[in-house]
Amino acid sequence: MSRVLSFWNQTITRIRPGVKSVRGQDIPDWDNADELIIENCSVQPNGTTLSQDGRVLGISQGLTVYAPADADIFAGDRIKYQNDVYTIDGELQRWPSPTGRLEHIRFNIVRWQG
């Protein structure tokens, strides 16, 4: 698939946990995560929220990622973008194209501070 749009020029890193067994249960092992660089993405802001009860408790930053259709990304992975690590918020949406030129995966990522 060729990208004809010049704004698909950002790079993300997919972080996927390894697996370890604790008391007979397989759980994610983020200390032994696998990283994969994914190019030809478009990352766009989608909003921020402020958590407060008279004082600021935390701020979230959300981004929407448009990645190539064949990108190895799943819900549960984490995404590193511009040196910050985000969690995937919700399920990935795979968008096929009738022409095959703009097929992509769309998903939201979020990061909390505070």
PDB file of N, CA and C in Angstrom:
ATOM      1  N   MET A   1       0.852  -1.179   0.000  1.00  0.00           N
ATOM      2  CA  MET A   1       0.000   0.000   0.000  1.00  0.00           C
ATOM      3  C   MET A   1       0.893   1.235   0.000  1.00  0.00           C
ATOM      4  N   SER A   2       0.580   2.190  -0.810  1.00  0.00           N
ATOM      5  CA  SER A   2       1.376   3.421  -0.835  1.00  0.00           C
ATOM      6  C   SER A   2       0.644   4.530  -0.100  1.00  0.00           C
ATOM      7  N   ARG A   3       1.400   5.312   0.609  1.00  0.00           N
ATOM      8  CA  ARG A   3       0.843   6.461   1.314  1.00  0.00           C
ATOM      9  C   ARG A   3       1.008   7.669   0.407  1.00  0.00           C
ATOM     10  N   VAL A   4      -0.096   8.275   0.047  1.00  0.00           N
ATOM     11  CA  VAL A   4      -0.022   9.449  -0.807  1.00  0.00           C
ATOM     12  C   VAL A   4      -0.135  10.731  -0.005  1.00  0.00           C
ATOM     13  N   LEU A   5      -0.478  10.600   1.255  1.00  0.00           N
ATOM     14  CA  LEU A   5      -0.694  11.784   2.075  1.00  0.00           C
ATOM     15  C   LEU A   5       0.567  12.091   2.883  1.00  0.00           C
ATOM     16  N   SER A   6       1.039  13.309   2.781  1.00  0.00           N
ATOM     17  CA  SER A   6       2.307  13.676   3.422  1.00  0.00           C
ATOM     18  C   SER A   6       2.213  13.763   4.939  1.00  0.00           C
ATOM     19  N   PHE A   7       1.018  13.815   5.507  1.00  0.00           N
ATOM     20  CA  PHE A   7       0.924  13.935   6.961  1.00  0.00           C
ATOM     21  C   PHE A   7       0.991  12.576   7.663  1.00  0.00           C
ATOM     22  N   TRP A   8       1.167  11.496   6.949  1.00  0.00           N
ATOM     23  CA  TRP A   8       1.388  10.178   7.548  1.00  0.00           C
ATOM     24  C   TRP A   8       2.896  10.003   7.747  1.00  0.00           C
ATOM     25  N   ASN A   9       3.512  10.885   8.515  1.00  0.00           N
ATOM     26  CA  ASN A   9       4.969  10.895   8.604  1.00  0.00           C
ATOM     27  C   ASN A   9       5.494  10.757  10.032  1.00  0.00           C
ATOM     28  N   GLN A  10       4.664  10.307  10.948  1.00  0.00           N
ATOM     29  CA  GLN A  10       5.115  10.164  12.329  1.00  0.00           C
ATOM     30  C   GLN A  10       5.414   8.700  12.646  1.00  0.00           C
ATOM     31  N   THR A  11       6.236   8.504  13.650  1.00  0.00           N
ATOM     32  CA  THR A  11       6.653   7.168  14.064  1.00  0.00           C
ATOM     33  C   THR A  11       6.226   6.937  15.509  1.00  0.00           C
ATOM     34  N   ILE A  12       5.690   5.756  15.771  1.00  0.00           N
ATOM     35  CA  ILE A  12       5.343   5.335  17.127  1.00  0.00           C
ATOM     36  C   ILE A  12       6.116   4.050  17.432  1.00  0.00           C
ATOM     37  N   THR A  13       6.180   3.718  18.706  1.00  0.00           N
ATOM     38  CA  THR A  13       6.767   2.444  19.116  1.00  0.00           C
ATOM     39  C   THR A  13       5.714   1.670  19.879  1.00  0.00           C
ATOM     40  N   ARG A  14       5.426   0.469  19.375  1.00  0.00           N
ATOM     41  CA  ARG A  14       4.475  -0.411  20.064  1.00  0.00           C
ATOM     42  C   ARG A  14       5.232  -1.182  21.137  1.00  0.00           C
ATOM     43  N   ILE A  15       4.695  -1.202  22.360  1.00  0.00           N
ATOM     44  CA  ILE A  15       5.295  -1.927  23.470  1.00  0.00           C
ATOM     45  C   ILE A  15       4.312  -3.028  23.876  1.00  0.00           C
ATOM     46  N   ARG A  16       4.760  -4.274  23.812  1.00  0.00           N
ATOM     47  CA  ARG A  16       3.897  -5.411  24.156  1.00  0.00           C
ATOM     48  C   ARG A  16       4.552  -6.173  25.304  1.00  0.00           C
ATOM     49  N   PRO A  17       3.793  -6.455  26.368  1.00  0.00           N
ATOM     50  CA  PRO A  17       4.404  -7.136  27.503  1.00  0.00           C
ATOM     51  C   PRO A  17       4.740  -8.588  27.189  1.00  0.00           C
ATOM     52  N   GLY A  18       5.778  -9.073  27.869  1.00  0.00           N
ATOM     53  CA  GLY A  18       6.018 -10.507  27.863  1.00  0.00           C
ATOM     54  C   GLY A  18       4.989 -11.158  28.776  1.00  0.00           C
ATOM     55  N   VAL A  19       5.157 -12.411  29.046  1.00  0.00           N
ATOM     56  CA  VAL A  19       4.228 -13.130  29.927  1.00  0.00           C
ATOM     57  C   VAL A  19       5.041 -13.834  31.000  1.00  0.00           C
ATOM     58  N   LYS A  20       4.545 -13.747  32.238  1.00  0.00           N
ATOM     59  CA  LYS A  20       5.164 -14.509  33.319  1.00  0.00           C
ATOM     60  C   LYS A  20       4.061 -15.200  34.112  1.00  0.00           C
ATOM     61  N   SER A  21       4.432 -16.263  34.772  1.00  0.00           N
ATOM     62  CA  SER A  21       3.475 -17.040  35.539  1.00  0.00           C
ATOM     63  C   SER A  21       3.617 -16.694  37.019  1.00  0.00           C
ATOM     64  N   VAL A  22       2.507 -16.303  37.627  1.00  0.00           N
ATOM     65  CA  VAL A  22       2.470 -15.996  39.053  1.00  0.00           C
ATOM     66  C   VAL A  22       1.334 -16.806  39.673  1.00  0.00           C
ATOM     67  N   ARG A  23       1.697 -17.697  40.581  1.00  0.00           N
ATOM     68  CA  ARG A  23       0.715 -18.574  41.249  1.00  0.00           C
ATOM     69  C   ARG A  23      -0.163 -19.322  40.246  1.00  0.00           C
ATOM     70  N   GLY A  24       0.464 -19.778  39.159  1.00  0.00           N
ATOM     71  CA  GLY A  24      -0.255 -20.568  38.165  1.00  0.00           C
ATOM     72  C   GLY A  24      -1.036 -19.761  37.146  1.00  0.00           C
ATOM     73  N   GLN A  25      -0.963 -18.443  37.229  1.00  0.00           N
ATOM     74  CA  GLN A  25      -1.679 -17.583  36.280  1.00  0.00           C
ATOM     75  C   GLN A  25      -0.674 -16.846  35.405  1.00  0.00           C
ATOM     76  N   ASP A  26      -0.952 -16.802  34.099  1.00  0.00           N
ATOM     77  CA  ASP A  26      -0.123 -15.998  33.201  1.00  0.00           C
ATOM     78  C   ASP A  26      -0.566 -14.546  33.287  1.00  0.00           C
ATOM     79  N   ILE A  27       0.397 -13.657  33.561  1.00  0.00           N
ATOM     80  CA  ILE A  27       0.104 -12.232  33.666  1.00  0.00           C
ATOM     81  C   ILE A  27       1.103 -11.458  32.802  1.00  0.00           C
ATOM     82  N   PRO A  28       0.737 -10.222  32.413  1.00  0.00           N
ATOM     83  CA  PRO A  28       1.669  -9.410  31.616  1.00  0.00           C
ATOM     84  C   PRO A  28       2.949  -9.119  32.392  1.00  0.00           C
ATOM     85  N   ASP A  29       4.066  -9.169  31.685  1.00  0.00           N
ATOM     86  CA  ASP A  29       5.375  -8.893  32.266  1.00  0.00           C
ATOM     87  C   ASP A  29       5.966  -7.677  31.551  1.00  0.00           C
ATOM     88  N   TRP A  30       5.702  -6.489  32.079  1.00  0.00           N
ATOM     89  CA  TRP A  30       6.160  -5.254  31.447  1.00  0.00           C
ATOM     90  C   TRP A  30       7.655  -5.059  31.592  1.00  0.00           C
ATOM     91  N   ASP A  31       8.314  -5.804  32.508  1.00  0.00           N
ATOM     92  CA  ASP A  31       9.765  -5.717  32.631  1.00  0.00           C
ATOM     93  C   ASP A  31      10.471  -6.417  31.470  1.00  0.00           C
ATOM     94  N   ASN A  32       9.761  -7.272  30.770  1.00  0.00           N
ATOM     95  CA  ASN A  32      10.310  -7.989  29.617  1.00  0.00           C
ATOM     96  C   ASN A  32       9.440  -7.749  28.394  1.00  0.00           C
ATOM     97  N   ALA A  33       9.218  -6.488  28.097  1.00  0.00           N
ATOM     98  CA  ALA A  33       8.346  -6.112  26.982  1.00  0.00           C
ATOM     99  C   ALA A  33       9.113  -6.119  25.659  1.00  0.00           C
ATOM    100  N   ASP A  34       8.368  -6.325  24.594  1.00  0.00           N
ATOM    101  CA  ASP A  34       8.894  -6.303  23.230  1.00  0.00           C
ATOM    102  C   ASP A  34       8.503  -4.976  22.597  1.00  0.00           C
ATOM    103  N   GLU A  35       9.449  -4.323  21.924  1.00  0.00           N
ATOM    104  CA  GLU A  35       9.166  -3.050  21.264  1.00  0.00           C
ATOM    105  C   GLU A  35       9.282  -3.196  19.755  1.00  0.00           C
ATOM    106  N   LEU A  36       8.391  -2.530  19.034  1.00  0.00           N
ATOM    107  CA  LEU A  36       8.393  -2.540  17.573  1.00  0.00           C
ATOM    108  C   LEU A  36       8.145  -1.122  17.076  1.00  0.00           C
ATOM    109  N   ILE A  37       9.035  -0.612  16.234  1.00  0.00           N
ATOM    110  CA  ILE A  37       8.872   0.718  15.651  1.00  0.00           C
ATOM    111  C   ILE A  37       7.910   0.622  14.476  1.00  0.00           C
ATOM    112  N   ILE A  38       6.927   1.507  14.449  1.00  0.00           N
ATOM    113  CA  ILE A  38       5.937   1.540  13.371  1.00  0.00           C
ATOM    114  C   ILE A  38       5.965   2.927  12.749  1.00  0.00           C
ATOM    115  N   GLU A  39       6.321   2.971  11.470  1.00  0.00           N
ATOM    116  CA  GLU A  39       6.421   4.238  10.735  1.00  0.00           C
ATOM    117  C   GLU A  39       5.148   4.486   9.924  1.00  0.00           C
ATOM    118  N   ASN A  40       5.116   5.635   9.282  1.00  0.00           N
ATOM    119  CA  ASN A  40       3.997   6.029   8.404  1.00  0.00           C
ATOM    120  C   ASN A  40       2.674   6.131   9.150  1.00  0.00           C
ATOM    121  N   CYS A  41       2.729   6.748  10.322  1.00  0.00           N
ATOM    122  CA  CYS A  41       1.532   6.978  11.129  1.00  0.00           C
ATOM    123  C   CYS A  41       1.165   8.460  11.096  1.00  0.00           C
ATOM    124  N   SER A  42      -0.050   8.742  11.493  1.00  0.00           N
ATOM    125  CA  SER A  42      -0.486  10.113  11.732  1.00  0.00           C
ATOM    126  C   SER A  42      -1.019  10.162  13.153  1.00  0.00           C
ATOM    127  N   VAL A  43      -0.460  11.038  13.974  1.00  0.00           N
ATOM    128  CA  VAL A  43      -0.856  11.151  15.378  1.00  0.00           C
ATOM    129  C   VAL A  43      -1.446  12.546  15.568  1.00  0.00           C
ATOM    130  N   GLN A  44      -2.695  12.583  16.032  1.00  0.00           N
ATOM    131  CA  GLN A  44      -3.429  13.846  16.150  1.00  0.00           C
ATOM    132  C   GLN A  44      -3.978  14.018  17.564  1.00  0.00           C
ATOM    133  N   PRO A  45      -3.991  15.241  18.089  1.00  0.00           N
ATOM    134  CA  PRO A  45      -4.568  15.463  19.421  1.00  0.00           C
ATOM    135  C   PRO A  45      -6.066  15.197  19.402  1.00  0.00           C
ATOM    136  N   ASN A  46      -6.581  14.642  20.505  1.00  0.00           N
ATOM    137  CA  ASN A  46      -8.029  14.451  20.602  1.00  0.00           C
ATOM    138  C   ASN A  46      -8.610  14.954  21.913  1.00  0.00           C
ATOM    139  N   GLY A  47      -7.798  15.629  22.720  1.00  0.00           N
ATOM    140  CA  GLY A  47      -8.351  16.274  23.906  1.00  0.00           C
ATOM    141  C   GLY A  47      -7.585  15.966  25.173  1.00  0.00           C
ATOM    142  N   THR A  48      -7.876  16.768  26.187  1.00  0.00           N
ATOM    143  CA  THR A  48      -7.305  16.567  27.505  1.00  0.00           C
ATOM    144  C   THR A  48      -8.426  16.677  28.523  1.00  0.00           C
ATOM    145  N   THR A  49      -8.207  16.100  29.690  1.00  0.00           N
ATOM    146  CA  THR A  49      -9.170  16.242  30.777  1.00  0.00           C
ATOM    147  C   THR A  49      -8.405  16.583  32.053  1.00  0.00           C
ATOM    148  N   LEU A  50      -9.104  17.202  32.968  1.00  0.00           N
ATOM    149  CA  LEU A  50      -8.534  17.625  34.236  1.00  0.00           C
ATOM    150  C   LEU A  50      -9.343  16.976  35.346  1.00  0.00           C
ATOM    151  N   SER A  51      -8.680  16.289  36.248  1.00  0.00           N
ATOM    152  CA  SER A  51      -9.325  15.677  37.398  1.00  0.00           C
ATOM    153  C   SER A  51      -9.015  16.536  38.613  1.00  0.00           C
ATOM    154  N   GLN A  52     -10.071  17.023  39.269  1.00  0.00           N
ATOM    155  CA  GLN A  52      -9.825  17.893  40.415  1.00  0.00           C
ATOM    156  C   GLN A  52     -10.973  17.833  41.412  1.00  0.00           C
ATOM    157  N   ASP A  53     -10.660  18.159  42.644  1.00  0.00           N
ATOM    158  CA  ASP A  53     -11.660  18.307  43.705  1.00  0.00           C
ATOM    159  C   ASP A  53     -11.302  19.540  44.530  1.00  0.00           C
ATOM    160  N   GLY A  54     -11.077  20.649  43.851  1.00  0.00           N
ATOM    161  CA  GLY A  54     -10.600  21.868  44.484  1.00  0.00           C
ATOM    162  C   GLY A  54      -9.106  22.053  44.270  1.00  0.00           C
ATOM    163  N   ARG A  55      -8.465  20.989  43.922  1.00  0.00           N
ATOM    164  CA  ARG A  55      -7.041  21.044  43.551  1.00  0.00           C
ATOM    165  C   ARG A  55      -6.867  20.115  42.347  1.00  0.00           C
ATOM    166  N   VAL A  56      -5.812  20.304  41.626  1.00  0.00           N
ATOM    167  CA  VAL A  56      -5.571  19.465  40.456  1.00  0.00           C
ATOM    168  C   VAL A  56      -5.043  18.106  40.916  1.00  0.00           C
ATOM    169  N   LEU A  57      -5.763  17.032  40.574  1.00  0.00           N
ATOM    170  CA  LEU A  57      -5.347  15.684  40.936  1.00  0.00           C
ATOM    171  C   LEU A  57      -4.606  14.995  39.796  1.00  0.00           C
ATOM    172  N   GLY A  58      -4.967  15.346  38.586  1.00  0.00           N
ATOM    173  CA  GLY A  58      -4.321  14.722  37.437  1.00  0.00           C
ATOM    174  C   GLY A  58      -4.823  15.307  36.136  1.00  0.00           C
ATOM    175  N   ILE A  59      -4.031  15.143  35.120  1.00  0.00           N
ATOM    176  CA  ILE A  59      -4.380  15.622  33.782  1.00  0.00           C
ATOM    177  C   ILE A  59      -4.155  14.463  32.824  1.00  0.00           C
ATOM    178  N   SER A  60      -5.122  14.244  31.927  1.00  0.00           N
ATOM    179  CA  SER A  60      -4.909  13.231  30.908  1.00  0.00           C
ATOM    180  C   SER A  60      -4.751  13.908  29.555  1.00  0.00           C
ATOM    181  N   GLN A  61      -3.914  13.304  28.737  1.00  0.00           N
ATOM    182  CA  GLN A  61      -3.723  13.784  27.380  1.00  0.00           C
ATOM    183  C   GLN A  61      -4.101  12.646  26.453  1.00  0.00           C
ATOM    184  N   GLY A  62      -4.986  12.932  25.499  1.00  0.00           N
ATOM    185  CA  GLY A  62      -5.410  11.912  24.558  1.00  0.00           C
ATOM    186  C   GLY A  62      -4.960  12.234  23.145  1.00  0.00           C
ATOM    187  N   LEU A  63      -4.609  11.193  22.403  1.00  0.00           N
ATOM    188  CA  LEU A  63      -4.213  11.330  21.010  1.00  0.00           C
ATOM    189  C   LEU A  63      -4.949  10.265  20.196  1.00  0.00           C
ATOM    190  N   THR A  64      -5.196  10.549  18.937  1.00  0.00           N
ATOM    191  CA  THR A  64      -5.731   9.570  18.003  1.00  0.00           C
ATOM    192  C   THR A  64      -4.622   9.192  17.039  1.00  0.00           C
ATOM    193  N   VAL A  65      -4.429   7.895  16.866  1.00  0.00           N
ATOM    194  CA  VAL A  65      -3.374   7.384  15.995  1.00  0.00           C
ATOM    195  C   VAL A  65      -4.007   6.718  14.786  1.00  0.00           C
ATOM    196  N   TYR A  66      -3.502   7.058  13.617  1.00  0.00           N
ATOM    197  CA  TYR A  66      -3.848   6.391  12.373  1.00  0.00           C
ATOM    198  C   TYR A  66      -2.582   5.661  11.933  1.00  0.00           C
ATOM    199  N   ALA A  67      -2.637   4.338  11.901  1.00  0.00           N
ATOM    200  CA  ALA A  67      -1.455   3.522  11.597  1.00  0.00           C
ATOM    201  C   ALA A  67      -1.727   2.685  10.349  1.00  0.00           C
ATOM    202  N   PRO A  68      -0.668   2.192   9.701  1.00  0.00           N
ATOM    203  CA  PRO A  68      -0.853   1.337   8.536  1.00  0.00           C
ATOM    204  C   PRO A  68      -1.718   0.113   8.872  1.00  0.00           C
ATOM    205  N   ALA A  69      -2.466  -0.354   7.897  1.00  0.00           N
ATOM    206  CA  ALA A  69      -3.400  -1.462   8.104  1.00  0.00           C
ATOM    207  C   ALA A  69      -2.713  -2.736   8.580  1.00  0.00           C
ATOM    208  N   ASP A  70      -1.449  -2.936   8.230  1.00  0.00           N
ATOM    209  CA  ASP A  70      -0.751  -4.160   8.608  1.00  0.00           C
ATOM    210  C   ASP A  70       0.088  -4.001   9.882  1.00  0.00           C
ATOM    211  N   ALA A  71      -0.103  -2.914  10.614  1.00  0.00           N
ATOM    212  CA  ALA A  71       0.672  -2.686  11.839  1.00  0.00           C
ATOM    213  C   ALA A  71       0.328  -3.738  12.894  1.00  0.00           C
ATOM    214  N   ASP A  72       1.350  -4.246  13.568  1.00  0.00           N
ATOM    215  CA  ASP A  72       1.190  -5.268  14.607  1.00  0.00           C
ATOM    216  C   ASP A  72       0.882  -4.581  15.939  1.00  0.00           C
ATOM    217  N   ILE A  73      -0.398  -4.234  16.120  1.00  0.00           N
ATOM    218  CA  ILE A  73      -0.858  -3.526  17.320  1.00  0.00           C
ATOM    219  C   ILE A  73      -2.157  -4.172  17.781  1.00  0.00           C
ATOM    220  N   PHE A  74      -2.296  -4.333  19.098  1.00  0.00           N
ATOM    221  CA  PHE A  74      -3.518  -4.887  19.674  1.00  0.00           C
ATOM    222  C   PHE A  74      -3.888  -4.090  20.918  1.00  0.00           C
ATOM    223  N   ALA A  75      -5.171  -4.111  21.275  1.00  0.00           N
ATOM    224  CA  ALA A  75      -5.602  -3.527  22.544  1.00  0.00           C
ATOM    225  C   ALA A  75      -4.804  -4.233  23.643  1.00  0.00           C
ATOM    226  N   GLY A  76      -4.356  -3.500  24.629  1.00  0.00           N
ATOM    227  CA  GLY A  76      -3.515  -4.059  25.684  1.00  0.00           C
ATOM    228  C   GLY A  76      -2.051  -3.705  25.505  1.00  0.00           C
ATOM    229  N   ASP A  77      -1.662  -3.345  24.271  1.00  0.00           N
ATOM    230  CA  ASP A  77      -0.306  -2.863  24.046  1.00  0.00           C
ATOM    231  C   ASP A  77      -0.201  -1.440  24.589  1.00  0.00           C
ATOM    232  N   ARG A  78       1.006  -0.978  24.737  1.00  0.00           N
ATOM    233  CA  ARG A  78       1.254   0.426  25.053  1.00  0.00           C
ATOM    234  C   ARG A  78       1.946   1.050  23.852  1.00  0.00           C
ATOM    235  N   ILE A  79       1.869   2.374  23.764  1.00  0.00           N
ATOM    236  CA  ILE A  79       2.450   3.100  22.641  1.00  0.00           C
ATOM    237  C   ILE A  79       3.379   4.173  23.177  1.00  0.00           C
ATOM    238  N   LYS A  80       4.611   4.207  22.656  1.00  0.00           N
ATOM    239  CA  LYS A  80       5.532   5.295  22.982  1.00  0.00           C
ATOM    240  C   LYS A  80       5.506   6.272  21.810  1.00  0.00           C
ATOM    241  N   TYR A  81       5.276   7.542  22.128  1.00  0.00           N
ATOM    242  CA  TYR A  81       5.260   8.592  21.114  1.00  0.00           C
ATOM    243  C   TYR A  81       5.923   9.831  21.703  1.00  0.00           C
ATOM    244  N   GLN A  82       6.908  10.349  21.041  1.00  0.00           N
ATOM    245  CA  GLN A  82       7.679  11.516  21.493  1.00  0.00           C
ATOM    246  C   GLN A  82       8.149  11.346  22.942  1.00  0.00           C
ATOM    247  N   ASN A  83       8.693  10.185  23.245  1.00  0.00           N
ATOM    248  CA  ASN A  83       9.278   9.848  24.548  1.00  0.00           C
ATOM    249  C   ASN A  83       8.284   9.714  25.687  1.00  0.00           C
ATOM    250  N   ASP A  84       6.993   9.762  25.418  1.00  0.00           N
ATOM    251  CA  ASP A  84       5.976   9.518  26.433  1.00  0.00           C
ATOM    252  C   ASP A  84       5.306   8.184  26.146  1.00  0.00           C
ATOM    253  N   VAL A  85       4.910   7.467  27.205  1.00  0.00           N
ATOM    254  CA  VAL A  85       4.257   6.177  27.050  1.00  0.00           C
ATOM    255  C   VAL A  85       2.766   6.334  27.339  1.00  0.00           C
ATOM    256  N   TYR A  86       1.960   5.824  26.419  1.00  0.00           N
ATOM    257  CA  TYR A  86       0.502   5.912  26.475  1.00  0.00           C
ATOM    258  C   TYR A  86      -0.097   4.513  26.527  1.00  0.00           C
ATOM    259  N   THR A  87      -1.312   4.419  27.051  1.00  0.00           N
ATOM    260  CA  THR A  87      -2.060   3.168  26.969  1.00  0.00           C
ATOM    261  C   THR A  87      -3.104   3.309  25.871  1.00  0.00           C
ATOM    262  N   ILE A  88      -3.426   2.199  25.239  1.00  0.00           N
ATOM    263  CA  ILE A  88      -4.474   2.207  24.218  1.00  0.00           C
ATOM    264  C   ILE A  88      -5.810   2.253  24.935  1.00  0.00           C
ATOM    265  N   ASP A  89      -6.642   3.188  24.542  1.00  0.00           N
ATOM    266  CA  ASP A  89      -7.942   3.421  25.172  1.00  0.00           C
ATOM    267  C   ASP A  89      -9.033   2.837  24.280  1.00  0.00           C
ATOM    268  N   GLY A  90      -9.472   1.634  24.588  1.00  0.00           N
ATOM    269  CA  GLY A  90     -10.528   1.001  23.805  1.00  0.00           C
ATOM    270  C   GLY A  90      -9.971   0.041  22.774  1.00  0.00           C
ATOM    271  N   GLU A  91     -10.832  -0.376  21.881  1.00  0.00           N
ATOM    272  CA  GLU A  91     -10.487  -1.347  20.841  1.00  0.00           C
ATOM    273  C   GLU A  91      -9.985  -0.636  19.600  1.00  0.00           C
ATOM    274  N   LEU A  92      -9.151  -1.303  18.834  1.00  0.00           N
ATOM    275  CA  LEU A  92      -8.670  -0.744  17.572  1.00  0.00           C
ATOM    276  C   LEU A  92      -9.766  -0.851  16.515  1.00  0.00           C
ATOM    277  N   GLN A  93      -9.820   0.125  15.623  1.00  0.00           N
ATOM    278  CA  GLN A  93     -10.794   0.123  14.539  1.00  0.00           C
ATOM    279  C   GLN A  93     -10.037  -0.029  13.229  1.00  0.00           C
ATOM    280  N   ARG A  94     -10.320  -1.093  12.509  1.00  0.00           N
ATOM    281  CA  ARG A  94      -9.667  -1.344  11.226  1.00  0.00           C
ATOM    282  C   ARG A  94     -10.576  -0.835  10.122  1.00  0.00           C
ATOM    283  N   TRP A  95     -10.059   0.086   9.317  1.00  0.00           N
ATOM    284  CA  TRP A  95     -10.833   0.727   8.264  1.00  0.00           C
ATOM    285  C   TRP A  95     -10.326   0.290   6.900  1.00  0.00           C
ATOM    286  N   PRO A  96     -11.058  -0.591   6.219  1.00  0.00           N
ATOM    287  CA  PRO A  96     -10.662  -0.943   4.849  1.00  0.00           C
ATOM    288  C   PRO A  96     -11.086   0.167   3.887  1.00  0.00           C
ATOM    289  N   SER A  97     -10.432   0.194   2.763  1.00  0.00           N
ATOM    290  CA  SER A  97     -10.750   1.198   1.750  1.00  0.00           C
ATOM    291  C   SER A  97     -11.142   0.494   0.464  1.00  0.00           C
ATOM    292  N   PRO A  98     -12.165   0.977  -0.222  1.00  0.00           N
ATOM    293  CA  PRO A  98     -12.535   0.350  -1.488  1.00  0.00           C
ATOM    294  C   PRO A  98     -11.439   0.465  -2.542  1.00  0.00           C
ATOM    295  N   THR A  99     -10.592   1.489  -2.432  1.00  0.00           N
ATOM    296  CA  THR A  99      -9.511   1.655  -3.407  1.00  0.00           C
ATOM    297  C   THR A  99      -8.220   1.006  -2.948  1.00  0.00           C
ATOM    298  N   GLY A 100      -8.110   0.677  -1.654  1.00  0.00           N
ATOM    299  CA  GLY A 100      -6.887   0.090  -1.127  1.00  0.00           C
ATOM    300  C   GLY A 100      -5.806   1.110  -0.823  1.00  0.00           C
ATOM    301  N   ARG A 101      -6.043   2.360  -1.064  1.00  0.00           N
ATOM    302  CA  ARG A 101      -5.000   3.379  -0.884  1.00  0.00           C
ATOM    303  C   ARG A 101      -4.953   3.959   0.519  1.00  0.00           C
ATOM    304  N   LEU A 102      -6.066   3.966   1.222  1.00  0.00           N
ATOM    305  CA  LEU A 102      -6.086   4.616   2.537  1.00  0.00           C
ATOM    306  C   LEU A 102      -6.525   3.668   3.650  1.00  0.00           C
ATOM    307  N   GLU A 103      -6.263   2.377   3.500  1.00  0.00           N
ATOM    308  CA  GLU A 103      -6.583   1.453   4.572  1.00  0.00           C
ATOM    309  C   GLU A 103      -5.733   1.806   5.792  1.00  0.00           C
ATOM    310  N   HIS A 104      -6.327   1.691   6.964  1.00  0.00           N
ATOM    311  CA  HIS A 104      -5.564   2.017   8.161  1.00  0.00           C
ATOM    312  C   HIS A 104      -6.232   1.451   9.408  1.00  0.00           C
ATOM    313  N   ILE A 105      -5.506   1.551  10.502  1.00  0.00           N
ATOM    314  CA  ILE A 105      -6.026   1.233  11.828  1.00  0.00           C
ATOM    315  C   ILE A 105      -6.120   2.548  12.580  1.00  0.00           C
ATOM    316  N   ARG A 106      -7.245   2.769  13.237  1.00  0.00           N
ATOM    317  CA  ARG A 106      -7.436   3.987  14.035  1.00  0.00           C
ATOM    318  C   ARG A 106      -7.636   3.558  15.477  1.00  0.00           C
ATOM    319  N   PHE A 107      -6.940   4.244  16.403  1.00  0.00           N
ATOM    320  CA  PHE A 107      -7.144   3.962  17.821  1.00  0.00           C
ATOM    321  C   PHE A 107      -6.740   5.186  18.636  1.00  0.00           C
ATOM    322  N   ASN A 108      -7.267   5.242  19.843  1.00  0.00           N
ATOM    323  CA  ASN A 108      -6.968   6.341  20.752  1.00  0.00           C
ATOM    324  C   ASN A 108      -5.977   5.867  21.807  1.00  0.00           C
ATOM    325  N   ILE A 109      -5.092   6.789  22.183  1.00  0.00           N
ATOM    326  CA  ILE A 109      -4.162   6.512  23.276  1.00  0.00           C
ATOM    327  C   ILE A 109      -4.298   7.625  24.314  1.00  0.00           C
ATOM    328  N   VAL A 110      -3.995   7.288  25.565  1.00  0.00           N
ATOM    329  CA  VAL A 110      -4.127   8.258  26.644  1.00  0.00           C
ATOM    330  C   VAL A 110      -2.976   8.086  27.627  1.00  0.00           C
ATOM    331  N   ARG A 111      -2.617   9.201  28.257  1.00  0.00           N
ATOM    332  CA  ARG A 111      -1.557   9.197  29.269  1.00  0.00           C
ATOM    333  C   ARG A 111      -2.000  10.130  30.402  1.00  0.00           C
ATOM    334  N   TRP A 112      -1.792   9.665  31.631  1.00  0.00           N
ATOM    335  CA  TRP A 112      -2.141  10.450  32.818  1.00  0.00           C
ATOM    336  C   TRP A 112      -0.891  10.999  33.479  1.00  0.00           C
ATOM    337  N   GLN A 113      -1.015  12.236  33.963  1.00  0.00           N
ATOM    338  CA  GLN A 113       0.033  12.860  34.769  1.00  0.00           C
ATOM    339  C   GLN A 113      -0.602  13.306  36.080  1.00  0.00           C
ATOM    340  N   GLY A 114       0.118  13.143  37.155  1.00  0.00           N
ATOM    341  CA  GLY A 114      -0.371  13.634  38.437  1.00  0.00           C
ATOM    342  C   GLY A 114      -0.888  12.574  39.335  1.00  0.00           C
TER     343      GLY A 114
END
